[in-house]
Each structure stands twice: as C-alpha cells, then as structure tokens.
Amino acid sequence: MAEAKSYRVLWTHTAQQDLTEIVEYIAQDSVADALAILSKLETKAALLITLPNRGRIVPELLQTGISHYRELVSASWRIVYRVESRQVLIMAVLDSRRDLQTVLLNRLAR
C-alpha cells in the first residue's frame, strides 16, 4: 500500500482573522462553545494534510469559471482553501448562512 503524501496546511492572515472574529462573537455567549468551535474548525482543516482535494469546488465560484478554490463544510462554517504544490492555503472561514458573493464584495470594498 502506498503511503499518503503529506501537505502543509497554512492559514492566511484573512482566515486567521475570520477565526478570531468567529471565536470572539461566540464567546460573548459562551467561551466553552467558542473554544469548541475553534477546535472543530482547526481539526477539520488539519485533515487536509492528506487528501487536500477532498473538499468540493466552491459552487458559487465554479459558476463564474473559477475552479481552484475548494471548501470543507463544518456545521454552519465553510473553510475555503486552495491547493498549491505541496501546500494547502486556508483562505477564509465563512458563515455558510451568508451569501458568498456579498461576503467577497464586502472584503474587496475594505
């Protein structure tokens, strides 16, 4: 049996900011819940060390012809990433209940 190749998972500054904002928001009601969500998201992203293409291509981006971004869904969160050579770059962590186009437009307007 062939050994699985290992990828390096890196969080962009934007994705780290997303995590911080999520944790701070949830912690207003429950620090324990915030830490549990943080752990769940970090654990899910860490799975990308092997089989980084396990996530689906982001549907909203695929509709516009952009196919190099993938996502993992964890409860109500979307972990958006792309694979580059031997690295997985976590680009964003987004609330799955929000419209992706609106979120991206707001980010570009900052």
N, C-alpha and C. Protein backbone atom coordinates (compact mmCIF):
# COMPACT_ATOMS: atom_id res chain seq x y z
N MET A 1 0.84 -1.19 0.00
CA MET A 1 0.00 0.00 0.00
C MET A 1 0.89 1.25 0.00
N ALA A 2 0.59 2.19 -0.86
CA ALA A 2 1.38 3.42 -0.96
C ALA A 2 1.09 4.33 0.22
N GLU A 3 2.12 4.99 0.68
CA GLU A 3 1.97 5.92 1.80
C GLU A 3 1.36 7.23 1.29
N ALA A 4 0.42 7.79 2.03
CA ALA A 4 -0.22 9.05 1.63
C ALA A 4 0.80 10.18 1.70
N LYS A 5 0.75 11.04 0.69
CA LYS A 5 1.64 12.19 0.67
C LYS A 5 1.12 13.23 1.65
N SER A 6 2.03 13.95 2.24
CA SER A 6 1.65 14.94 3.23
C SER A 6 1.77 16.35 2.66
N TYR A 7 0.77 17.16 2.94
CA TYR A 7 0.74 18.56 2.53
C TYR A 7 0.90 19.44 3.76
N ARG A 8 1.33 20.63 3.54
CA ARG A 8 1.45 21.61 4.62
C ARG A 8 0.21 22.49 4.60
N VAL A 9 -0.48 22.61 5.72
CA VAL A 9 -1.68 23.45 5.81
C VAL A 9 -1.28 24.78 6.43
N LEU A 10 -1.50 25.85 5.68
CA LEU A 10 -1.16 27.21 6.13
C LEU A 10 -2.41 28.08 6.15
N TRP A 11 -2.54 28.86 7.21
CA TRP A 11 -3.68 29.78 7.34
C TRP A 11 -3.24 31.17 6.89
N THR A 12 -3.98 31.77 5.97
CA THR A 12 -3.68 33.15 5.56
C THR A 12 -4.09 34.09 6.69
N HIS A 13 -3.59 35.29 6.63
CA HIS A 13 -3.95 36.30 7.62
C HIS A 13 -5.47 36.50 7.66
N THR A 14 -6.09 36.54 6.50
CA THR A 14 -7.54 36.73 6.42
C THR A 14 -8.28 35.60 7.11
N ALA A 15 -7.86 34.36 6.88
CA ALA A 15 -8.51 33.21 7.51
C ALA A 15 -8.31 33.24 9.03
N GLN A 16 -7.12 33.64 9.48
CA GLN A 16 -6.87 33.75 10.92
C GLN A 16 -7.77 34.82 11.52
N GLN A 17 -7.95 35.91 10.80
CA GLN A 17 -8.86 36.97 11.26
C GLN A 17 -10.28 36.44 11.36
N ASP A 18 -10.69 35.69 10.36
CA ASP A 18 -12.04 35.09 10.38
C ASP A 18 -12.23 34.25 11.63
N LEU A 19 -11.25 33.39 11.92
CA LEU A 19 -11.33 32.55 13.12
C LEU A 19 -11.45 33.39 14.39
N THR A 20 -10.63 34.41 14.49
CA THR A 20 -10.65 35.29 15.66
C THR A 20 -12.02 35.93 15.82
N GLU A 21 -12.58 36.44 14.73
CA GLU A 21 -13.89 37.10 14.79
C GLU A 21 -14.99 36.10 15.18
N ILE A 22 -14.93 34.90 14.65
CA ILE A 22 -15.91 33.87 14.98
C ILE A 22 -15.84 33.53 16.46
N VAL A 23 -14.64 33.29 16.95
CA VAL A 23 -14.45 32.92 18.36
C VAL A 23 -14.89 34.06 19.28
N GLU A 24 -14.50 35.27 18.96
CA GLU A 24 -14.89 36.41 19.81
C GLU A 24 -16.41 36.60 19.84
N TYR A 25 -17.06 36.41 18.70
CA TYR A 25 -18.51 36.58 18.63
C TYR A 25 -19.21 35.51 19.47
N ILE A 26 -18.81 34.25 19.29
CA ILE A 26 -19.45 33.15 20.03
C ILE A 26 -19.13 33.24 21.52
N ALA A 27 -17.93 33.71 21.86
CA ALA A 27 -17.51 33.82 23.26
C ALA A 27 -18.34 34.83 24.05
N GLN A 28 -19.01 35.75 23.36
CA GLN A 28 -19.89 36.70 24.05
C GLN A 28 -21.00 35.96 24.78
N ASP A 29 -21.41 34.81 24.23
CA ASP A 29 -22.44 33.99 24.86
C ASP A 29 -21.85 32.84 25.66
N SER A 30 -20.78 32.23 25.12
CA SER A 30 -20.21 31.06 25.78
C SER A 30 -18.76 30.84 25.33
N VAL A 31 -17.85 31.01 26.26
CA VAL A 31 -16.44 30.79 25.97
C VAL A 31 -16.21 29.32 25.63
N ALA A 32 -16.87 28.42 26.33
CA ALA A 32 -16.71 26.99 26.07
C ALA A 32 -17.15 26.64 24.64
N ASP A 33 -18.29 27.18 24.22
CA ASP A 33 -18.77 26.93 22.85
C ASP A 33 -17.79 27.51 21.83
N ALA A 34 -17.26 28.69 22.10
CA ALA A 34 -16.31 29.33 21.19
C ALA A 34 -15.06 28.48 21.02
N LEU A 35 -14.55 27.97 22.12
CA LEU A 35 -13.35 27.13 22.06
C LEU A 35 -13.63 25.80 21.36
N ALA A 36 -14.84 25.27 21.55
CA ALA A 36 -15.21 24.03 20.89
C ALA A 36 -15.30 24.22 19.37
N ILE A 37 -15.87 25.33 18.94
CA ILE A 37 -15.96 25.63 17.50
C ILE A 37 -14.57 25.83 16.92
N LEU A 38 -13.72 26.56 17.63
CA LEU A 38 -12.34 26.78 17.18
C LEU A 38 -11.63 25.44 16.98
N SER A 39 -11.74 24.57 17.96
CA SER A 39 -11.11 23.26 17.88
C SER A 39 -11.65 22.45 16.71
N LYS A 40 -12.95 22.48 16.52
CA LYS A 40 -13.59 21.74 15.44
C LYS A 40 -13.11 22.23 14.08
N LEU A 41 -13.03 23.55 13.90
CA LEU A 41 -12.59 24.12 12.62
C LEU A 41 -11.12 23.82 12.36
N GLU A 42 -10.29 23.95 13.38
CA GLU A 42 -8.86 23.67 13.21
C GLU A 42 -8.63 22.18 12.90
N THR A 43 -9.39 21.31 13.56
CA THR A 43 -9.26 19.88 13.33
C THR A 43 -9.70 19.52 11.91
N LYS A 44 -10.80 20.11 11.46
CA LYS A 44 -11.30 19.85 10.11
C LYS A 44 -10.27 20.29 9.08
N ALA A 45 -9.69 21.48 9.26
CA ALA A 45 -8.68 21.98 8.32
C ALA A 45 -7.44 21.10 8.33
N ALA A 46 -7.08 20.59 9.48
CA ALA A 46 -5.89 19.74 9.59
C ALA A 46 -6.03 18.45 8.79
N LEU A 47 -7.26 18.02 8.53
CA LEU A 47 -7.48 16.82 7.72
C LEU A 47 -6.94 16.98 6.30
N LEU A 48 -6.74 18.21 5.89
CA LEU A 48 -6.26 18.49 4.53
C LEU A 48 -4.78 18.15 4.35
N ILE A 49 -4.11 17.77 5.43
CA ILE A 49 -2.70 17.36 5.34
C ILE A 49 -2.58 16.20 4.35
N THR A 50 -3.57 15.32 4.37
CA THR A 50 -3.65 14.25 3.38
C THR A 50 -4.95 14.45 2.61
N LEU A 51 -4.96 14.08 1.37
CA LEU A 51 -6.14 14.21 0.51
C LEU A 51 -6.72 15.63 0.49
N PRO A 52 -5.93 16.62 0.10
CA PRO A 52 -6.42 18.00 0.12
C PRO A 52 -7.56 18.27 -0.86
N ASN A 53 -7.74 17.40 -1.84
CA ASN A 53 -8.83 17.61 -2.79
C ASN A 53 -10.14 17.00 -2.33
N ARG A 54 -10.20 16.60 -1.06
CA ARG A 54 -11.42 16.00 -0.51
C ARG A 54 -12.58 17.00 -0.49
N GLY A 55 -12.29 18.28 -0.39
CA GLY A 55 -13.35 19.29 -0.35
C GLY A 55 -13.93 19.52 -1.74
N ARG A 56 -15.17 19.96 -1.77
CA ARG A 56 -15.80 20.24 -3.06
C ARG A 56 -15.31 21.59 -3.59
N ILE A 57 -15.40 21.75 -4.89
CA ILE A 57 -15.10 23.05 -5.50
C ILE A 57 -16.22 23.99 -5.06
N VAL A 58 -15.87 25.23 -4.69
CA VAL A 58 -16.86 26.19 -4.20
C VAL A 58 -17.88 26.45 -5.32
N PRO A 59 -19.15 26.04 -5.13
CA PRO A 59 -20.15 26.11 -6.20
C PRO A 59 -20.36 27.51 -6.77
N GLU A 60 -20.42 28.51 -5.91
CA GLU A 60 -20.67 29.88 -6.39
C GLU A 60 -19.53 30.38 -7.28
N LEU A 61 -18.31 29.95 -6.96
CA LEU A 61 -17.17 30.37 -7.77
C LEU A 61 -17.09 29.56 -9.06
N LEU A 62 -17.45 28.29 -8.98
CA LEU A 62 -17.45 27.43 -10.17
C LEU A 62 -18.39 27.99 -11.23
N GLN A 63 -19.51 28.56 -10.79
CA GLN A 63 -20.48 29.14 -11.73
C GLN A 63 -19.86 30.27 -12.55
N THR A 64 -18.83 30.90 -12.01
CA THR A 64 -18.18 32.00 -12.72
C THR A 64 -16.89 31.53 -13.40
N GLY A 65 -16.66 30.22 -13.40
CA GLY A 65 -15.49 29.67 -14.08
C GLY A 65 -14.24 29.56 -13.22
N ILE A 66 -14.36 29.85 -11.92
CA ILE A 66 -13.22 29.75 -11.01
C ILE A 66 -13.30 28.39 -10.32
N SER A 67 -12.31 27.54 -10.59
CA SER A 67 -12.40 26.18 -10.08
C SER A 67 -11.24 25.78 -9.16
N HIS A 68 -10.38 26.70 -8.80
CA HIS A 68 -9.23 26.32 -7.98
C HIS A 68 -9.44 26.55 -6.48
N TYR A 69 -10.64 26.94 -6.09
CA TYR A 69 -10.95 27.06 -4.66
C TYR A 69 -11.87 25.93 -4.25
N ARG A 70 -11.55 25.32 -3.13
CA ARG A 70 -12.35 24.22 -2.59
C ARG A 70 -12.84 24.61 -1.21
N GLU A 71 -13.74 23.81 -0.67
CA GLU A 71 -14.24 24.09 0.67
C GLU A 71 -14.59 22.81 1.41
N LEU A 72 -14.43 22.90 2.71
CA LEU A 72 -14.94 21.89 3.63
C LEU A 72 -16.04 22.58 4.42
N VAL A 73 -17.12 21.86 4.66
CA VAL A 73 -18.21 22.42 5.44
C VAL A 73 -18.20 21.75 6.80
N SER A 74 -18.24 22.58 7.84
CA SER A 74 -18.27 22.09 9.21
C SER A 74 -19.39 22.82 9.94
N ALA A 75 -20.50 22.11 10.14
CA ALA A 75 -21.70 22.70 10.73
C ALA A 75 -22.11 23.92 9.91
N SER A 76 -22.11 25.09 10.49
CA SER A 76 -22.54 26.27 9.73
C SER A 76 -21.34 27.09 9.22
N TRP A 77 -20.19 26.46 9.07
CA TRP A 77 -18.99 27.18 8.62
C TRP A 77 -18.43 26.55 7.35
N ARG A 78 -17.91 27.40 6.50
CA ARG A 78 -17.26 26.96 5.26
C ARG A 78 -15.77 27.32 5.36
N ILE A 79 -14.92 26.33 5.24
CA ILE A 79 -13.48 26.55 5.23
C ILE A 79 -13.06 26.55 3.76
N VAL A 80 -12.72 27.73 3.25
CA VAL A 80 -12.37 27.88 1.83
C VAL A 80 -10.85 27.85 1.70
N TYR A 81 -10.37 27.04 0.76
CA TYR A 81 -8.93 26.87 0.60
C TYR A 81 -8.56 26.60 -0.85
N ARG A 82 -7.27 26.66 -1.12
CA ARG A 82 -6.76 26.24 -2.42
C ARG A 82 -5.47 25.47 -2.22
N VAL A 83 -5.22 24.58 -3.15
CA VAL A 83 -4.03 23.73 -3.07
C VAL A 83 -3.01 24.27 -4.06
N GLU A 84 -1.80 24.51 -3.56
CA GLU A 84 -0.70 24.98 -4.39
C GLU A 84 0.50 24.10 -4.12
N SER A 85 0.89 23.34 -5.10
CA SER A 85 2.02 22.43 -5.00
C SER A 85 1.83 21.54 -3.76
N ARG A 86 2.67 21.61 -2.77
CA ARG A 86 2.56 20.75 -1.58
C ARG A 86 1.95 21.50 -0.39
N GLN A 87 1.25 22.58 -0.68
CA GLN A 87 0.65 23.38 0.39
C GLN A 87 -0.85 23.53 0.20
N VAL A 88 -1.54 23.60 1.32
CA VAL A 88 -2.96 23.92 1.33
C VAL A 88 -3.07 25.28 2.02
N LEU A 89 -3.58 26.26 1.29
CA LEU A 89 -3.73 27.61 1.85
C LEU A 89 -5.19 27.82 2.25
N ILE A 90 -5.42 27.96 3.55
CA ILE A 90 -6.76 28.26 4.05
C ILE A 90 -6.98 29.75 3.79
N MET A 91 -7.95 30.06 2.95
CA MET A 91 -8.17 31.44 2.51
C MET A 91 -9.20 32.18 3.37
N ALA A 92 -10.20 31.44 3.87
CA ALA A 92 -11.28 32.09 4.62
C ALA A 92 -12.08 31.05 5.39
N VAL A 93 -12.72 31.51 6.45
CA VAL A 93 -13.70 30.71 7.18
C VAL A 93 -14.95 31.57 7.22
N LEU A 94 -16.01 31.07 6.58
CA LEU A 94 -17.21 31.88 6.38
C LEU A 94 -18.44 31.21 6.96
N ASP A 95 -19.38 32.03 7.37
CA ASP A 95 -20.67 31.55 7.84
C ASP A 95 -21.43 31.03 6.62
N SER A 96 -21.82 29.77 6.63
CA SER A 96 -22.47 29.18 5.46
C SER A 96 -23.88 29.74 5.21
N ARG A 97 -24.41 30.46 6.18
CA ARG A 97 -25.75 31.04 6.00
C ARG A 97 -25.70 32.35 5.24
N ARG A 98 -24.49 32.89 5.05
CA ARG A 98 -24.35 34.16 4.33
C ARG A 98 -24.08 33.91 2.86
N ASP A 99 -24.49 34.86 2.04
CA ASP A 99 -24.26 34.79 0.60
C ASP A 99 -22.78 35.04 0.31
N LEU A 100 -22.14 34.10 -0.35
CA LEU A 100 -20.70 34.20 -0.61
C LEU A 100 -20.35 35.44 -1.43
N GLN A 101 -21.15 35.76 -2.43
CA GLN A 101 -20.84 36.93 -3.27
C GLN A 101 -20.85 38.21 -2.45
N THR A 102 -21.81 38.35 -1.54
CA THR A 102 -21.88 39.53 -0.68
C THR A 102 -20.65 39.61 0.22
N VAL A 103 -20.26 38.48 0.79
CA VAL A 103 -19.09 38.44 1.66
C VAL A 103 -17.84 38.87 0.89
N LEU A 104 -17.66 38.32 -0.29
CA LEU A 104 -16.47 38.66 -1.09
C LEU A 104 -16.47 40.12 -1.52
N LEU A 105 -17.63 40.64 -1.91
CA LEU A 105 -17.71 42.05 -2.29
C LEU A 105 -17.37 42.95 -1.11
N ASN A 106 -17.86 42.62 0.09
CA ASN A 106 -17.55 43.39 1.28
C ASN A 106 -16.06 43.38 1.57
N ARG A 107 -15.42 42.23 1.36
CA ARG A 107 -13.97 42.13 1.60
C ARG A 107 -13.18 42.96 0.62
N LEU A 108 -13.62 42.95 -0.61
CA LEU A 108 -12.91 43.74 -1.63
C LEU A 108 -13.10 45.24 -1.42
N ALA A 109 -14.22 45.61 -0.80
CA ALA A 109 -14.50 47.03 -0.57
C ALA A 109 -13.73 47.59 0.62
N ARG A 110 -13.15 46.72 1.47
CA ARG A 110 -12.43 47.19 2.66
C ARG A 110 -11.19 47.95 2.29
